[in-house]
């Protein structure tokens, strides 16, 4: 799953809305992964100054993207274990 363009309007920043949107997105991915899909990880492209925001939620920087305009972060597949073939039916 890729989270793209997660942002809060400047007048609403600092009120926890971005944190809520991110937590909600992660919970939806977990739910869908357990029930219907095989979601193994979440990625998000971020501005350099927002990396720590995502790291607070378990995202890890993919080092090879650090010098790009929007570094890529991901939540490891451990969060979303791969379903066994018998679980997919």
N, C-alpha and C. Protein backbone atom coordinates (compact mmCIF):
# COMPACT_ATOMS: atom_id res chain seq x y z
N UNK A 1 0.85 -1.16 0.00
CA UNK A 1 0.00 0.00 0.00
C UNK A 1 0.90 1.23 0.00
N UNK A 2 0.52 2.21 -0.77
CA UNK A 2 1.29 3.46 -0.81
C UNK A 2 0.41 4.59 -0.32
N UNK A 3 0.94 5.35 0.62
CA UNK A 3 0.27 6.56 1.08
C UNK A 3 0.90 7.71 0.31
N UNK A 4 0.07 8.43 -0.42
CA UNK A 4 0.58 9.53 -1.24
C UNK A 4 -0.11 10.84 -0.86
N UNK A 5 0.66 11.88 -0.82
CA UNK A 5 0.13 13.23 -0.60
C UNK A 5 -0.67 13.38 0.70
N UNK A 6 -0.16 12.80 1.77
CA UNK A 6 -0.79 12.99 3.07
C UNK A 6 -0.37 14.36 3.59
N UNK A 7 -1.31 15.26 3.74
CA UNK A 7 -0.99 16.62 4.17
C UNK A 7 -2.17 17.22 4.90
N UNK A 8 -1.86 18.19 5.74
CA UNK A 8 -2.89 18.94 6.46
C UNK A 8 -2.74 20.40 6.07
N UNK A 9 -3.84 21.05 5.79
CA UNK A 9 -3.82 22.48 5.46
C UNK A 9 -3.13 23.23 6.60
N UNK A 10 -2.36 24.24 6.24
CA UNK A 10 -1.54 24.96 7.22
C UNK A 10 -2.36 25.49 8.40
N UNK A 11 -3.59 25.92 8.16
CA UNK A 11 -4.38 26.48 9.27
C UNK A 11 -4.86 25.39 10.24
N UNK A 12 -4.79 24.12 9.85
CA UNK A 12 -5.22 23.01 10.70
C UNK A 12 -4.07 22.22 11.29
N UNK A 13 -2.83 22.62 10.99
CA UNK A 13 -1.67 21.89 11.50
C UNK A 13 -1.55 22.04 13.01
N UNK A 14 -0.94 21.01 13.62
CA UNK A 14 -0.72 21.05 15.06
C UNK A 14 -1.92 20.61 15.89
N UNK A 15 -2.96 20.11 15.23
CA UNK A 15 -4.17 19.69 15.93
C UNK A 15 -4.33 18.17 15.94
N UNK A 16 -3.32 17.44 15.44
CA UNK A 16 -3.38 15.98 15.46
C UNK A 16 -4.09 15.35 14.28
N UNK A 17 -4.49 16.16 13.31
CA UNK A 17 -5.24 15.63 12.17
C UNK A 17 -4.36 14.71 11.31
N UNK A 18 -3.13 15.12 11.05
CA UNK A 18 -2.21 14.29 10.26
C UNK A 18 -1.93 12.96 10.94
N UNK A 19 -1.72 13.01 12.25
CA UNK A 19 -1.49 11.77 13.01
C UNK A 19 -2.71 10.86 12.93
N UNK A 20 -3.89 11.44 13.05
CA UNK A 20 -5.11 10.65 12.95
C UNK A 20 -5.23 10.00 11.57
N UNK A 21 -4.97 10.78 10.50
CA UNK A 21 -5.07 10.23 9.15
C UNK A 21 -4.09 9.09 8.94
N UNK A 22 -2.86 9.25 9.46
CA UNK A 22 -1.86 8.20 9.30
C UNK A 22 -2.25 6.95 10.08
N UNK A 23 -2.65 7.12 11.34
CA UNK A 23 -3.06 5.96 12.15
C UNK A 23 -4.26 5.26 11.52
N UNK A 24 -5.20 6.02 10.99
CA UNK A 24 -6.37 5.44 10.35
C UNK A 24 -5.97 4.65 9.10
N UNK A 25 -5.07 5.22 8.30
CA UNK A 25 -4.59 4.53 7.09
C UNK A 25 -3.90 3.22 7.45
N UNK A 26 -3.08 3.23 8.48
CA UNK A 26 -2.38 2.02 8.91
C UNK A 26 -3.39 0.99 9.41
N UNK A 27 -4.38 1.43 10.17
CA UNK A 27 -5.37 0.47 10.69
C UNK A 27 -6.20 -0.14 9.56
N UNK A 28 -6.53 0.64 8.54
CA UNK A 28 -7.26 0.10 7.38
C UNK A 28 -6.40 -0.94 6.67
N UNK A 29 -5.12 -0.65 6.48
CA UNK A 29 -4.21 -1.60 5.82
C UNK A 29 -4.12 -2.89 6.62
N UNK A 30 -4.00 -2.79 7.94
CA UNK A 30 -3.93 -3.99 8.79
C UNK A 30 -5.22 -4.79 8.69
N UNK A 31 -6.35 -4.11 8.76
CA UNK A 31 -7.64 -4.80 8.68
C UNK A 31 -7.78 -5.53 7.35
N UNK A 32 -7.52 -4.83 6.26
CA UNK A 32 -7.64 -5.44 4.94
C UNK A 32 -6.66 -6.59 4.77
N UNK A 33 -5.47 -6.45 5.34
CA UNK A 33 -4.47 -7.50 5.25
C UNK A 33 -4.92 -8.76 5.99
N UNK A 34 -5.51 -8.57 7.14
CA UNK A 34 -5.97 -9.73 7.92
C UNK A 34 -7.18 -10.39 7.26
N UNK A 35 -8.07 -9.59 6.67
CA UNK A 35 -9.33 -10.12 6.17
C UNK A 35 -9.31 -10.52 4.70
N UNK A 36 -8.69 -9.70 3.84
CA UNK A 36 -8.91 -9.88 2.42
C UNK A 36 -7.67 -9.91 1.53
N UNK A 37 -6.64 -9.20 1.88
CA UNK A 37 -5.51 -9.03 0.96
C UNK A 37 -4.22 -9.57 1.55
N UNK A 38 -3.16 -9.40 0.82
CA UNK A 38 -1.85 -9.80 1.30
C UNK A 38 -0.92 -8.61 1.45
N UNK A 39 -1.40 -7.54 2.03
CA UNK A 39 -0.58 -6.34 2.21
C UNK A 39 0.63 -6.66 3.07
N UNK A 40 1.83 -6.49 2.52
CA UNK A 40 3.06 -6.82 3.24
C UNK A 40 3.74 -5.60 3.82
N UNK A 41 3.53 -4.43 3.22
CA UNK A 41 4.19 -3.23 3.71
C UNK A 41 3.46 -1.99 3.21
N UNK A 42 3.78 -0.87 3.84
CA UNK A 42 3.25 0.43 3.43
C UNK A 42 4.44 1.31 3.08
N UNK A 43 4.35 2.04 1.99
CA UNK A 43 5.39 3.00 1.64
C UNK A 43 4.78 4.40 1.60
N UNK A 44 5.64 5.37 1.81
CA UNK A 44 5.22 6.77 1.73
C UNK A 44 6.43 7.59 1.29
N UNK A 45 6.21 8.51 0.36
CA UNK A 45 7.26 9.45 -0.05
C UNK A 45 7.07 10.72 0.77
N UNK A 46 8.16 11.21 1.36
CA UNK A 46 8.04 12.33 2.30
C UNK A 46 9.08 13.41 2.01
N UNK A 47 8.84 14.57 2.58
CA UNK A 47 9.86 15.60 2.60
C UNK A 47 10.86 15.24 3.69
N UNK A 48 12.11 15.60 3.47
CA UNK A 48 13.20 15.28 4.41
C UNK A 48 12.86 15.69 5.85
N UNK A 49 12.24 16.85 6.00
CA UNK A 49 11.95 17.36 7.36
C UNK A 49 10.78 16.66 8.05
N UNK A 50 10.12 15.72 7.39
CA UNK A 50 8.99 15.00 7.98
C UNK A 50 9.32 13.53 8.27
N UNK A 51 10.56 13.13 8.05
CA UNK A 51 10.94 11.74 8.26
C UNK A 51 10.64 11.29 9.68
N UNK A 52 10.98 12.10 10.67
CA UNK A 52 10.79 11.70 12.07
C UNK A 52 9.31 11.49 12.40
N UNK A 53 8.42 12.24 11.77
CA UNK A 53 6.98 12.06 11.98
C UNK A 53 6.58 10.62 11.65
N UNK A 54 7.05 10.13 10.51
CA UNK A 54 6.70 8.77 10.09
C UNK A 54 7.46 7.72 10.89
N UNK A 55 8.69 8.02 11.26
CA UNK A 55 9.46 7.07 12.08
C UNK A 55 8.77 6.82 13.42
N UNK A 56 8.06 7.80 13.93
CA UNK A 56 7.31 7.63 15.18
C UNK A 56 6.26 6.52 15.07
N UNK A 57 5.87 6.20 13.85
CA UNK A 57 4.85 5.17 13.60
C UNK A 57 5.45 3.89 13.04
N UNK A 58 6.76 3.74 13.18
CA UNK A 58 7.41 2.50 12.77
C UNK A 58 7.94 2.48 11.35
N UNK A 59 7.81 3.58 10.62
CA UNK A 59 8.35 3.63 9.27
C UNK A 59 9.87 3.68 9.34
N UNK A 60 10.51 3.08 8.36
CA UNK A 60 11.97 3.06 8.28
C UNK A 60 12.38 3.66 6.95
N UNK A 61 13.45 4.44 6.98
CA UNK A 61 13.96 5.07 5.76
C UNK A 61 14.66 4.05 4.90
N UNK A 62 14.35 4.05 3.63
CA UNK A 62 15.07 3.24 2.66
C UNK A 62 16.28 4.07 2.26
N UNK A 63 17.45 3.70 2.74
CA UNK A 63 18.65 4.53 2.63
C UNK A 63 18.95 5.00 1.22
N UNK A 64 18.70 4.17 0.22
CA UNK A 64 19.06 4.55 -1.14
C UNK A 64 18.25 5.73 -1.66
N UNK A 65 17.23 6.15 -0.94
CA UNK A 65 16.42 7.27 -1.42
C UNK A 65 16.67 8.56 -0.66
N UNK A 66 17.61 8.57 0.27
CA UNK A 66 17.80 9.75 1.13
C UNK A 66 18.08 11.02 0.33
N UNK A 67 18.82 10.97 -0.74
CA UNK A 67 19.19 12.18 -1.48
C UNK A 67 18.21 12.52 -2.60
N UNK A 68 17.06 11.91 -2.61
CA UNK A 68 16.03 12.22 -3.60
C UNK A 68 15.15 13.35 -3.06
N UNK A 69 14.39 14.02 -3.95
CA UNK A 69 13.52 15.10 -3.48
C UNK A 69 12.52 14.65 -2.42
N UNK A 70 12.02 13.42 -2.54
CA UNK A 70 11.07 12.86 -1.58
C UNK A 70 11.56 11.49 -1.16
N UNK A 71 12.34 11.42 -0.06
CA UNK A 71 12.81 10.11 0.39
C UNK A 71 11.64 9.16 0.63
N UNK A 72 11.88 7.88 0.43
CA UNK A 72 10.84 6.87 0.61
C UNK A 72 11.03 6.19 1.95
N UNK A 73 9.94 6.01 2.68
CA UNK A 73 9.95 5.28 3.93
C UNK A 73 8.99 4.11 3.80
N UNK A 74 9.15 3.12 4.65
CA UNK A 74 8.25 1.97 4.59
C UNK A 74 8.02 1.42 5.98
N UNK A 75 6.90 0.73 6.16
CA UNK A 75 6.67 -0.07 7.35
C UNK A 75 7.00 -1.50 6.96
N UNK A 76 7.85 -2.12 7.73
CA UNK A 76 8.36 -3.45 7.44
C UNK A 76 7.25 -4.48 7.34
N UNK A 77 7.52 -5.52 6.56
CA UNK A 77 6.55 -6.59 6.36
C UNK A 77 6.20 -7.34 7.65
N UNK A 78 7.00 -7.20 8.69
CA UNK A 78 6.71 -7.88 9.96
C UNK A 78 5.36 -7.41 10.50
N UNK A 79 4.99 -6.17 10.22
CA UNK A 79 3.71 -5.64 10.67
C UNK A 79 2.56 -6.37 9.99
N UNK A 80 2.76 -6.77 8.75
CA UNK A 80 1.73 -7.45 7.98
C UNK A 80 2.25 -8.80 7.53
N UNK A 81 2.19 -9.83 8.39
CA UNK A 81 2.76 -11.13 8.02
C UNK A 81 2.10 -11.71 6.78
N UNK A 82 2.90 -12.39 6.00
CA UNK A 82 2.41 -13.02 4.78
C UNK A 82 1.45 -14.14 5.16
N UNK A 83 0.32 -14.19 4.48
CA UNK A 83 -0.64 -15.25 4.74
C UNK A 83 -0.18 -16.53 4.07
N UNK A 84 -0.44 -17.63 4.73
CA UNK A 84 -0.15 -18.93 4.14
C UNK A 84 -1.17 -19.19 3.04
N UNK A 85 -0.80 -20.01 2.06
CA UNK A 85 -1.71 -20.31 0.96
C UNK A 85 -3.06 -20.81 1.46
N UNK A 86 -3.06 -21.59 2.53
CA UNK A 86 -4.32 -22.13 3.07
C UNK A 86 -5.21 -21.02 3.63
N UNK A 87 -4.61 -19.91 4.05
CA UNK A 87 -5.38 -18.80 4.60
C UNK A 87 -5.99 -17.93 3.50
N UNK A 88 -5.50 -18.07 2.28
CA UNK A 88 -5.96 -17.22 1.19
C UNK A 88 -7.25 -17.71 0.57
N UNK A 89 -7.65 -18.91 0.86
CA UNK A 89 -8.86 -19.47 0.24
C UNK A 89 -10.11 -19.09 0.96
